[in-house]
PDB file of N, CA and C in Angstrom:
ATOM      1  N   MET A   1    -113.689 173.119  67.786  1.00  0.00           N
ATOM      2  CA  MET A   1    -114.383 171.874  67.563  1.00  0.00           C
ATOM      3  C   MET A   1    -115.882 172.135  67.635  1.00  0.00           C
ATOM      4  N   VAL A   2    -116.637 171.496  66.783  1.00  0.00           N
ATOM      5  CA  VAL A   2    -118.083 171.668  66.724  1.00  0.00           C
ATOM      6  C   VAL A   2    -118.727 170.917  67.877  1.00  0.00           C
ATOM      7  N   GLY A   3    -119.644 171.609  68.604  1.00  0.00           N
ATOM      8  CA  GLY A   3    -120.324 170.995  69.740  1.00  0.00           C
ATOM      9  C   GLY A   3    -121.364 169.991  69.286  1.00  0.00           C
ATOM     10  N   GLU A   4    -121.752 169.125  70.190  1.00  0.00           N
ATOM     11  CA  GLU A   4    -122.774 168.120  69.909  1.00  0.00           C
ATOM     12  C   GLU A   4    -124.076 168.784  69.489  1.00  0.00           C
ATOM     13  N   GLY A   5    -124.649 168.350  68.374  1.00  0.00           N
ATOM     14  CA  GLY A   5    -125.952 168.832  67.939  1.00  0.00           C
ATOM     15  C   GLY A   5    -125.953 170.238  67.368  1.00  0.00           C
ATOM     16  N   LYS A   6    -124.803 170.835  67.148  1.00  0.00           N
ATOM     17  CA  LYS A   6    -124.748 172.194  66.605  1.00  0.00           C
ATOM     18  C   LYS A   6    -124.089 172.164  65.235  1.00  0.00           C
ATOM     19  N   SER A   7    -124.647 172.962  64.335  1.00  0.00           N
ATOM     20  CA  SER A   7    -123.993 173.088  63.031  1.00  0.00           C
ATOM     21  C   SER A   7    -122.718 173.908  63.228  1.00  0.00           C
ATOM     22  N   ARG A   8    -121.919 173.969  62.230  1.00  0.00           N
ATOM     23  CA  ARG A   8    -120.650 174.682  62.348  1.00  0.00           C
ATOM     24  C   ARG A   8    -120.842 176.163  62.673  1.00  0.00           C
ATOM     25  N   ILE A   9    -121.786 176.823  62.004  1.00  0.00           N
ATOM     26  CA  ILE A   9    -121.983 178.252  62.250  1.00  0.00           C
ATOM     27  C   ILE A   9    -122.538 178.502  63.650  1.00  0.00           C
ATOM     28  N   GLU A  10    -123.442 177.644  64.120  1.00  0.00           N
ATOM     29  CA  GLU A  10    -123.998 177.817  65.468  1.00  0.00           C
ATOM     30  C   GLU A  10    -122.908 177.695  66.529  1.00  0.00           C
ATOM     31  N   ALA A  11    -121.958 176.829  66.290  1.00  0.00           N
ATOM     32  CA  ALA A  11    -120.871 176.645  67.242  1.00  0.00           C
ATOM     33  C   ALA A  11    -120.020 177.906  67.352  1.00  0.00           C
ATOM     34  N   LEU A  12    -119.995 178.716  66.317  1.00  0.00           N
ATOM     35  CA  LEU A  12    -119.188 179.933  66.316  1.00  0.00           C
ATOM     36  C   LEU A  12    -119.927 181.146  66.865  1.00  0.00           C
ATOM     37  N   LEU A  13    -121.225 181.031  67.095  1.00  0.00           N
ATOM     38  CA  LEU A  13    -122.013 182.177  67.525  1.00  0.00           C
ATOM     39  C   LEU A  13    -121.816 182.538  68.993  1.00  0.00           C
ATOM     40  N   GLN A  14    -121.299 181.642  69.782  1.00  0.00           N
ATOM     41  CA  GLN A  14    -121.080 181.933  71.197  1.00  0.00           C
ATOM     42  C   GLN A  14    -119.624 182.305  71.405  1.00  0.00           C
ATOM     43  N   GLU A  15    -119.411 183.487  71.954  1.00  0.00           N
ATOM     44  CA  GLU A  15    -118.054 183.982  72.179  1.00  0.00           C
ATOM     45  C   GLU A  15    -117.940 184.429  73.627  1.00  0.00           C
ATOM     46  N   ASN A  16    -117.047 183.827  74.369  1.00  0.00           N
ATOM     47  CA  ASN A  16    -116.897 184.150  75.784  1.00  0.00           C
ATOM     48  C   ASN A  16    -115.544 184.760  76.133  1.00  0.00           C
ATOM     49  N   ARG A  17    -114.682 184.932  75.139  1.00  0.00           N
ATOM     50  CA  ARG A  17    -113.373 185.503  75.435  1.00  0.00           C
ATOM     51  C   ARG A  17    -113.518 186.976  75.810  1.00  0.00           C
ATOM     52  N   ARG A  18    -112.605 187.443  76.630  1.00  0.00           N
ATOM     53  CA  ARG A  18    -112.548 188.856  76.997  1.00  0.00           C
ATOM     54  C   ARG A  18    -111.137 189.350  76.731  1.00  0.00           C
ATOM     55  N   PHE A  19    -111.062 190.575  76.235  1.00  0.00           N
ATOM     56  CA  PHE A  19    -109.779 191.176  75.923  1.00  0.00           C
ATOM     57  C   PHE A  19    -109.647 192.455  76.741  1.00  0.00           C
ATOM     58  N   ALA A  20    -108.798 192.436  77.733  1.00  0.00           N
ATOM     59  CA  ALA A  20    -108.611 193.603  78.599  1.00  0.00           C
ATOM     60  C   ALA A  20    -107.856 194.692  77.843  1.00  0.00           C
ATOM     61  N   PRO A  21    -108.274 195.948  78.016  1.00  0.00           N
ATOM     62  CA  PRO A  21    -107.566 197.046  77.353  1.00  0.00           C
ATOM     63  C   PRO A  21    -106.209 197.290  78.015  1.00  0.00           C
ATOM     64  N   SER A  22    -105.296 197.817  77.248  1.00  0.00           N
ATOM     65  CA  SER A  22    -103.978 198.145  77.798  1.00  0.00           C
ATOM     66  C   SER A  22    -104.116 199.341  78.746  1.00  0.00           C
ATOM     67  N   ASP A  23    -103.113 199.551  79.586  1.00  0.00           N
ATOM     68  CA  ASP A  23    -103.128 200.700  80.494  1.00  0.00           C
ATOM     69  C   ASP A  23    -103.161 202.013  79.717  1.00  0.00           C
ATOM     70  N   ALA A  24    -102.424 202.076  78.614  1.00  0.00           N
ATOM     71  CA  ALA A  24    -102.408 203.297  77.802  1.00  0.00           C
ATOM     72  C   ALA A  24    -103.795 203.590  77.234  1.00  0.00           C
ATOM     73  N   PHE A  25    -104.484 202.560  76.801  1.00  0.00           N
ATOM     74  CA  PHE A  25    -105.837 202.735  76.267  1.00  0.00           C
ATOM     75  C   PHE A  25    -106.783 203.216  77.367  1.00  0.00           C
ATOM     76  N   ARG A  26    -106.671 202.624  78.548  1.00  0.00           N
ATOM     77  CA  ARG A  26    -107.518 203.031  79.678  1.00  0.00           C
ATOM     78  C   ARG A  26    -107.305 204.493  80.044  1.00  0.00           C
ATOM     79  N   LYS A  27    -106.055 204.931  80.041  1.00  0.00           N
ATOM     80  CA  LYS A  27    -105.744 206.317  80.408  1.00  0.00           C
ATOM     81  C   LYS A  27    -106.357 207.305  79.423  1.00  0.00           C
ATOM     82  N   GLY A  28    -106.520 206.911  78.174  1.00  0.00           N
ATOM     83  CA  GLY A  28    -107.085 207.796  77.163  1.00  0.00           C
ATOM     84  C   GLY A  28    -108.591 207.676  77.008  1.00  0.00           C
ATOM     85  N   ALA A  29    -109.217 206.851  77.827  1.00  0.00           N
ATOM     86  CA  ALA A  29    -110.658 206.613  77.693  1.00  0.00           C
ATOM     87  C   ALA A  29    -111.470 207.844  78.079  1.00  0.00           C
ATOM     88  N   ASN A  30    -112.585 208.037  77.402  1.00  0.00           N
ATOM     89  CA  ASN A  30    -113.502 209.124  77.736  1.00  0.00           C
ATOM     90  C   ASN A  30    -114.313 208.796  78.977  1.00  0.00           C
ATOM     91  N   VAL A  31    -114.544 207.536  79.225  1.00  0.00           N
ATOM     92  CA  VAL A  31    -115.324 207.101  80.385  1.00  0.00           C
ATOM     93  C   VAL A  31    -114.387 206.381  81.344  1.00  0.00           C
ATOM     94  N   ASN A  32    -114.197 206.957  82.509  1.00  0.00           N
ATOM     95  CA  ASN A  32    -113.309 206.361  83.502  1.00  0.00           C
ATOM     96  C   ASN A  32    -114.052 205.877  84.738  1.00  0.00           C
ATOM     97  N   ASP A  33    -115.339 206.132  84.805  1.00  0.00           N
ATOM     98  CA  ASP A  33    -116.137 205.763  85.970  1.00  0.00           C
ATOM     99  C   ASP A  33    -117.123 204.669  85.599  1.00  0.00           C
ATOM    100  N   PRO A  34    -116.912 203.445  86.062  1.00  0.00           N
ATOM    101  CA  PRO A  34    -117.841 202.358  85.739  1.00  0.00           C
ATOM    102  C   PRO A  34    -119.251 202.611  86.266  1.00  0.00           C
ATOM    103  N   GLY A  35    -119.404 203.526  87.225  1.00  0.00           N
ATOM    104  CA  GLY A  35    -120.714 203.856  87.768  1.00  0.00           C
ATOM    105  C   GLY A  35    -121.652 204.480  86.756  1.00  0.00           C
ATOM    106  N   ILE A  36    -121.108 204.952  85.655  1.00  0.00           N
ATOM    107  CA  ILE A  36    -121.933 205.567  84.609  1.00  0.00           C
ATOM    108  C   ILE A  36    -122.960 204.574  84.062  1.00  0.00           C
ATOM    109  N   TYR A  37    -122.616 203.306  84.050  1.00  0.00           N
ATOM    110  CA  TYR A  37    -123.533 202.292  83.537  1.00  0.00           C
ATOM    111  C   TYR A  37    -124.759 202.153  84.431  1.00  0.00           C
ATOM    112  N   GLU A  38    -124.562 202.257  85.732  1.00  0.00           N
ATOM    113  CA  GLU A  38    -125.682 202.166  86.668  1.00  0.00           C
ATOM    114  C   GLU A  38    -126.585 203.394  86.542  1.00  0.00           C
ATOM    115  N   VAL A  39    -125.993 204.560  86.372  1.00  0.00           N
ATOM    116  CA  VAL A  39    -126.779 205.788  86.176  1.00  0.00           C
ATOM    117  C   VAL A  39    -127.635 205.652  84.926  1.00  0.00           C
ATOM    118  N   ALA A  40    -127.046 205.187  83.839  1.00  0.00           N
ATOM    119  CA  ALA A  40    -127.780 205.014  82.577  1.00  0.00           C
ATOM    120  C   ALA A  40    -128.854 203.945  82.702  1.00  0.00           C
ATOM    121  N   ARG A  41    -128.588 202.903  83.468  1.00  0.00           N
ATOM    122  CA  ARG A  41    -129.574 201.842  83.642  1.00  0.00           C
ATOM    123  C   ARG A  41    -130.787 202.334  84.428  1.00  0.00           C
ATOM    124  N   LYS A  42    -130.554 203.129  85.463  1.00  0.00           N
ATOM    125  CA  LYS A  42    -131.642 203.613  86.312  1.00  0.00           C
ATOM    126  C   LYS A  42    -132.526 204.636  85.602  1.00  0.00           C
ATOM    127  N   ASP A  43    -131.931 205.481  84.768  1.00  0.00           N
ATOM    128  CA  ASP A  43    -132.692 206.535  84.087  1.00  0.00           C
ATOM    129  C   ASP A  43    -132.147 206.724  82.672  1.00  0.00           C
ATOM    130  N   PRO A  44    -132.466 205.799  81.763  1.00  0.00           N
ATOM    131  CA  PRO A  44    -131.892 205.880  80.418  1.00  0.00           C
ATOM    132  C   PRO A  44    -132.239 207.175  79.689  1.00  0.00           C
ATOM    133  N   GLU A  45    -133.474 207.630  79.779  1.00  0.00           N
ATOM    134  CA  GLU A  45    -133.850 208.861  79.076  1.00  0.00           C
ATOM    135  C   GLU A  45    -133.129 210.072  79.656  1.00  0.00           C
ATOM    136  N   GLY A  46    -133.015 210.129  80.963  1.00  0.00           N
ATOM    137  CA  GLY A  46    -132.282 211.225  81.596  1.00  0.00           C
ATOM    138  C   GLY A  46    -130.815 211.201  81.217  1.00  0.00           C
ATOM    139  N   TRP A  47    -130.259 209.995  81.153  1.00  0.00           N
ATOM    140  CA  TRP A  47    -128.848 209.864  80.788  1.00  0.00           C
ATOM    141  C   TRP A  47    -128.616 210.332  79.357  1.00  0.00           C
ATOM    142  N   TRP A  48    -129.479 209.888  78.432  1.00  0.00           N
ATOM    143  CA  TRP A  48    -129.318 210.298  77.037  1.00  0.00           C
ATOM    144  C   TRP A  48    -129.562 211.785  76.858  1.00  0.00           C
ATOM    145  N   ALA A  49    -130.507 212.356  77.599  1.00  0.00           N
ATOM    146  CA  ALA A  49    -130.742 213.803  77.534  1.00  0.00           C
ATOM    147  C   ALA A  49    -129.492 214.556  77.982  1.00  0.00           C
ATOM    148  N   ALA A  50    -128.858 214.086  79.047  1.00  0.00           N
ATOM    149  CA  ALA A  50    -127.631 214.728  79.527  1.00  0.00           C
ATOM    150  C   ALA A  50    -126.518 214.629  78.487  1.00  0.00           C
ATOM    151  N   GLN A  51    -126.403 213.488  77.813  1.00  0.00           N
ATOM    152  CA  GLN A  51    -125.387 213.336  76.768  1.00  0.00           C
ATOM    153  C   GLN A  51    -125.677 214.260  75.592  1.00  0.00           C
ATOM    154  N   ALA A  52    -126.956 214.392  75.253  1.00  0.00           N
ATOM    155  CA  ALA A  52    -127.357 215.226  74.118  1.00  0.00           C
ATOM    156  C   ALA A  52    -127.074 216.701  74.366  1.00  0.00           C
ATOM    157  N   GLU A  53    -126.991 217.104  75.625  1.00  0.00           N
ATOM    158  CA  GLU A  53    -126.681 218.504  75.945  1.00  0.00           C
ATOM    159  C   GLU A  53    -125.284 218.888  75.461  1.00  0.00           C
ATOM    160  N   ASN A  54    -124.444 217.911  75.169  1.00  0.00           N
ATOM    161  CA  ASN A  54    -123.098 218.187  74.669  1.00  0.00           C
ATOM    162  C   ASN A  54    -123.077 218.555  73.196  1.00  0.00           C
ATOM    163  N   PHE A  55    -124.222 218.479  72.531  1.00  0.00           N
ATOM    164  CA  PHE A  55    -124.310 218.794  71.108  1.00  0.00           C
ATOM    165  C   PHE A  55    -124.985 220.140  70.886  1.00  0.00           C
ATOM    166  N   THR A  56    -124.810 220.673  69.698  1.00  0.00           N
ATOM    167  CA  THR A  56    -125.470 221.909  69.297  1.00  0.00           C
ATOM    168  C   THR A  56    -126.797 221.545  68.658  1.00  0.00           C
ATOM    169  N   TRP A  57    -127.868 222.184  69.115  1.00  0.00           N
ATOM    170  CA  TRP A  57    -129.215 221.913  68.597  1.00  0.00           C
ATOM    171  C   TRP A  57    -129.816 223.207  68.069  1.00  0.00           C
ATOM    172  N   PHE A  58    -130.481 223.130  66.921  1.00  0.00           N
ATOM    173  CA  PHE A  58    -131.231 224.282  66.408  1.00  0.00           C
ATOM    174  C   PHE A  58    -132.585 224.345  67.107  1.00  0.00           C
ATOM    175  N   ARG A  59    -133.124 223.188  67.415  1.00  0.00           N
ATOM    176  CA  ARG A  59    -134.372 223.082  68.175  1.00  0.00           C
ATOM    177  C   ARG A  59    -134.222 221.895  69.112  1.00  0.00           C
ATOM    178  N   LYS A  60    -134.472 222.126  70.409  1.00  0.00           N
ATOM    179  CA  LYS A  60    -134.382 221.034  71.388  1.00  0.00           C
ATOM    180  C   LYS A  60    -135.593 220.126  71.280  1.00  0.00           C
ATOM    181  N   TRP A  61    -135.474 218.967  71.816  1.00  0.00           N
ATOM    182  CA  TRP A  61    -136.501 217.936  71.771  1.00  0.00           C
ATOM    183  C   TRP A  61    -137.657 218.250  72.716  1.00  0.00           C
ATOM    184  N   ASP A  62    -138.822 217.730  72.347  1.00  0.00           N
ATOM    185  CA  ASP A  62    -139.985 217.779  73.237  1.00  0.00           C
ATOM    186  C   ASP A  62    -139.967 216.578  74.177  1.00  0.00           C
ATOM    187  N   ARG A  63    -139.530 215.456  73.642  1.00  0.00           N
ATOM    188  CA  ARG A  63    -139.413 214.218  74.417  1.00  0.00           C
ATOM    189  C   ARG A  63    -138.129 213.529  73.996  1.00  0.00           C
ATOM    190  N   VAL A  64    -137.443 212.932  74.946  1.00  0.00           N
ATOM    191  CA  VAL A  64    -136.209 212.209  74.629  1.00  0.00           C
ATOM    192  C   VAL A  64    -136.526 210.970  73.807  1.00  0.00           C
ATOM    193  N   LEU A  65    -137.547 210.215  74.226  1.00  0.00           N
ATOM    194  CA  LEU A  65    -137.864 208.962  73.552  1.00  0.00           C
ATOM    195  C   LEU A  65    -139.368 208.782  73.433  1.00  0.00           C
ATOM    196  N   GLU A  66    -139.786 208.465  72.235  1.00  0.00           N
ATOM    197  CA  GLU A  66    -141.172 208.068  71.985  1.00  0.00           C
ATOM    198  C   GLU A  66    -141.110 206.611  71.566  1.00  0.00           C
ATOM    199  N   TRP A  67    -141.584 205.730  72.422  1.00  0.00           N
ATOM    200  CA  TRP A  67    -141.408 204.296  72.224  1.00  0.00           C
ATOM    201  C   TRP A  67    -142.748 203.638  71.982  1.00  0.00           C
ATOM    202  N   ASP A  68    -142.933 203.161  70.762  1.00  0.00           N
ATOM    203  CA  ASP A  68    -144.132 202.423  70.374  1.00  0.00           C
ATOM    204  C   ASP A  68    -143.633 201.147  69.700  1.00  0.00           C
ATOM    205  N   PRO A  69    -143.309 200.120  70.509  1.00  0.00           N
ATOM    206  CA  PRO A  69    -142.665 198.917  69.965  1.00  0.00           C
ATOM    207  C   PRO A  69    -143.332 198.406  68.694  1.00  0.00           C
ATOM    208  N   PRO A  70    -142.522 198.117  67.699  1.00  0.00           N
ATOM    209  CA  PRO A  70    -141.063 198.071  67.701  1.00  0.00           C
ATOM    210  C   PRO A  70    -140.421 199.376  67.244  1.00  0.00           C
ATOM    211  N   TYR A  71    -141.154 200.471  67.231  1.00  0.00           N
ATOM    212  CA  TYR A  71    -140.638 201.733  66.696  1.00  0.00           C
ATOM    213  C   TYR A  71    -140.178 202.660  67.817  1.00  0.00           C
ATOM    214  N   ALA A  72    -139.018 203.242  67.629  1.00  0.00           N
ATOM    215  CA  ALA A  72    -138.483 204.198  68.598  1.00  0.00           C
ATOM    216  C   ALA A  72    -138.133 205.486  67.870  1.00  0.00           C
ATOM    217  N   LYS A  73    -138.540 206.610  68.441  1.00  0.00           N
ATOM    218  CA  LYS A  73    -138.153 207.926  67.926  1.00  0.00           C
ATOM    219  C   LYS A  73    -137.377 208.619  69.037  1.00  0.00           C
ATOM    220  N   TRP A  74    -136.147 208.970  68.740  1.00  0.00           N
ATOM    221  CA  TRP A  74    -135.293 209.635  69.715  1.00  0.00           C
ATOM    222  C   TRP A  74    -135.284 211.134  69.473  1.00  0.00           C
ATOM    223  N   PHE A  75    -135.272 211.906  70.534  1.00  0.00           N
ATOM    224  CA  PHE A  75    -135.196 213.366  70.497  1.00  0.00           C
ATOM    225  C   PHE A  75    -136.270 213.932  69.564  1.00  0.00           C
ATOM    226  N   VAL A  76    -137.512 213.636  69.949  1.00  0.00           N
ATOM    227  CA  VAL A  76    -138.694 213.957  69.150  1.00  0.00           C
ATOM    228  C   VAL A  76    -138.787 215.464  68.908  1.00  0.00           C
ATOM    229  N   HIS A  77    -138.933 215.830  67.646  1.00  0.00           N
ATOM    230  CA  HIS A  77    -139.058 217.199  67.133  1.00  0.00           C
ATOM    231  C   HIS A  77    -137.774 218.020  67.250  1.00  0.00           C
ATOM    232  N   ALA A  78    -136.676 217.402  67.600  1.00  0.00           N
ATOM    233  CA  ALA A  78    -135.410 218.129  67.689  1.00  0.00           C
ATOM    234  C   ALA A  78    -134.801 218.280  66.301  1.00  0.00           C
ATOM    235  N   THR A  79    -133.986 219.317  66.159  1.00  0.00           N
ATOM    236  CA  THR A  79    -133.294 219.554  64.897  1.00  0.00           C
ATOM    237  C   THR A  79    -131.830 219.868  65.192  1.00  0.00           C
ATOM    238  N   THR A  80    -130.955 219.166  64.499  1.00  0.00           N
ATOM    239  CA  THR A  80    -129.526 219.419  64.617  1.00  0.00           C
ATOM    240  C   THR A  80    -128.891 219.192  63.251  1.00  0.00           C
ATOM    241  N   ASN A  81    -127.592 219.350  63.167  1.00  0.00           N
ATOM    242  CA  ASN A  81    -126.883 219.157  61.918  1.00  0.00           C
ATOM    243  C   ASN A  81    -125.549 218.501  62.252  1.00  0.00           C
ATOM    244  N   ILE A  82    -125.278 217.402  61.626  1.00  0.00           N
ATOM    245  CA  ILE A  82    -124.074 216.637  61.947  1.00  0.00           C
ATOM    246  C   ILE A  82    -122.795 217.423  61.651  1.00  0.00           C
ATOM    247  N   THR A  83    -122.780 218.211  60.583  1.00  0.00           N
ATOM    248  CA  THR A  83    -121.556 218.957  60.274  1.00  0.00           C
ATOM    249  C   THR A  83    -121.316 220.075  61.275  1.00  0.00           C
ATOM    250  N   VAL A  84    -122.376 220.653  61.795  1.00  0.00           N
ATOM    251  CA  VAL A  84    -122.212 221.668  62.838  1.00  0.00           C
ATOM    252  C   VAL A  84    -121.561 221.031  64.058  1.00  0.00           C
ATOM    253  N   ASN A  85    -122.028 219.855  64.437  1.00  0.00           N
ATOM    254  CA  ASN A  85    -121.496 219.192  65.625  1.00  0.00           C
ATOM    255  C   ASN A  85    -120.114 218.590  65.410  1.00  0.00           C
ATOM    256  N   CYS A  86    -119.833 218.132  64.219  1.00  0.00           N
ATOM    257  CA  CYS A  86    -118.529 217.508  63.959  1.00  0.00           C
ATOM    258  C   CYS A  86    -117.450 218.514  63.581  1.00  0.00           C
ATOM    259  N   LEU A  87    -117.842 219.590  62.909  1.00  0.00           N
ATOM    260  CA  LEU A  87    -116.846 220.521  62.389  1.00  0.00           C
ATOM    261  C   LEU A  87    -117.037 221.959  62.862  1.00  0.00           C
ATOM    262  N   ASP A  88    -118.159 222.551  62.497  1.00  0.00           N
ATOM    263  CA  ASP A  88    -118.350 223.993  62.671  1.00  0.00           C
ATOM    264  C   ASP A  88    -118.176 224.486  64.099  1.00  0.00           C
ATOM    265  N   ARG A  89    -118.675 223.770  65.062  1.00  0.00           N
ATOM    266  CA  ARG A  89    -118.610 224.271  66.438  1.00  0.00           C
ATOM    267  C   ARG A  89    -117.189 224.329  66.977  1.00  0.00           C
ATOM    268  N   HIS A  90    -116.259 223.690  66.304  1.00  0.00           N
ATOM    269  CA  HIS A  90    -114.870 223.700  66.750  1.00  0.00           C
ATOM    270  C   HIS A  90    -114.069 224.855  66.152  1.00  0.00           C
ATOM    271  N   LEU A  91    -114.682 225.625  65.258  1.00  0.00           N
ATOM    272  CA  LEU A  91    -113.973 226.737  64.624  1.00  0.00           C
ATOM    273  C   LEU A  91    -113.573 227.821  65.614  1.00  0.00           C
ATOM    274  N   SER A  92    -114.277 227.921  66.716  1.00  0.00           N
ATOM    275  CA  SER A  92    -113.949 228.938  67.718  1.00  0.00           C
ATOM    276  C   SER A  92    -113.236 228.334  68.935  1.00  0.00           C
ATOM    277  N   SER A  93    -112.785 227.106  68.815  1.00  0.00           N
ATOM    278  CA  SER A  93    -112.094 226.460  69.937  1.00  0.00           C
ATOM    279  C   SER A  93    -110.622 226.237  69.593  1.00  0.00           C
ATOM    280  N   TRP A  94    -109.895 225.650  70.520  1.00  0.00           N
ATOM    281  CA  TRP A  94    -108.484 225.350  70.297  1.00  0.00           C
ATOM    282  C   TRP A  94    -108.285 224.353  69.160  1.00  0.00           C
ATOM    283  N   ARG A  95    -109.358 223.668  68.752  1.00  0.00           N
ATOM    284  CA  ARG A  95    -109.256 222.673  67.682  1.00  0.00           C
ATOM    285  C   ARG A  95    -109.317 223.288  66.277  1.00  0.00           C
ATOM    286  N   ARG A  96    -109.521 224.591  66.174  1.00  0.00           N
ATOM    287  CA  ARG A  96    -109.788 225.226  64.875  1.00  0.00           C
ATOM    288  C   ARG A  96    -108.712 224.956  63.823  1.00  0.00           C
ATOM    289  N   ASN A  97    -107.466 224.776  64.219  1.00  0.00           N
ATOM    290  CA  ASN A  97    -106.395 224.561  63.243  1.00  0.00           C
ATOM    291  C   ASN A  97    -105.982 223.097  63.105  1.00  0.00           C
ATOM    292  N   LYS A  98    -106.708 222.222  63.758  1.00  0.00           N
ATOM    293  CA  LYS A  98    -106.410 220.791  63.636  1.00  0.00           C
ATOM    294  C   LYS A  98    -107.086 220.236  62.382  1.00  0.00           C
ATOM    295  N   ALA A  99    -106.473 219.240  61.784  1.00  0.00           N
ATOM    296  CA  ALA A  99    -107.071 218.601  60.608  1.00  0.00           C
ATOM    297  C   ALA A  99    -108.372 217.924  61.019  1.00  0.00           C
ATOM    298  N   ALA A 100    -109.430 218.195  60.269  1.00  0.00           N
ATOM    299  CA  ALA A 100    -110.732 217.608  60.572  1.00  0.00           C
ATOM    300  C   ALA A 100    -110.896 216.259  59.892  1.00  0.00           C
ATOM    301  N   PHE A 101    -110.251 216.092  58.763  1.00  0.00           N
ATOM    302  CA  PHE A 101    -110.433 214.870  57.994  1.00  0.00           C
ATOM    303  C   PHE A 101    -109.154 214.588  57.228  1.00  0.00           C
ATOM    304  N   LEU A 102    -108.636 213.407  57.359  1.00  0.00           N
ATOM    305  CA  LEU A 102    -107.439 213.003  56.613  1.00  0.00           C
ATOM    306  C   LEU A 102    -107.818 211.891  55.663  1.00  0.00           C
ATOM    307  N   TRP A 103    -107.406 212.000  54.429  1.00  0.00           N
ATOM    308  CA  TRP A 103    -107.729 211.001  53.416  1.00  0.00           C
ATOM    309  C   TRP A 103    -106.528 210.129  53.166  1.00  0.00           C
TER     310      TRP A 103
END
């Protein structure tokens, strides 16, 4: 039902429902510690730098974030390649014989 003084689309813009994940989904989650959000909140650049260490870089960054509102540059002067990180680096791991892409 449309709220008082709101157009139809405005009434649909507020969503308060929550959908809890199933136990099976939770067990397969990459993040199992809710404390990770507090760590990221306290030191966002440090948190993102730590996450970026999981990737292959040809050149590491000089700065994690260069912020000149409204412009943001992440991993300033760093160089990487998406195919190296998505495909190539797995050629020497247990994933080497798994399908990389299914059409």
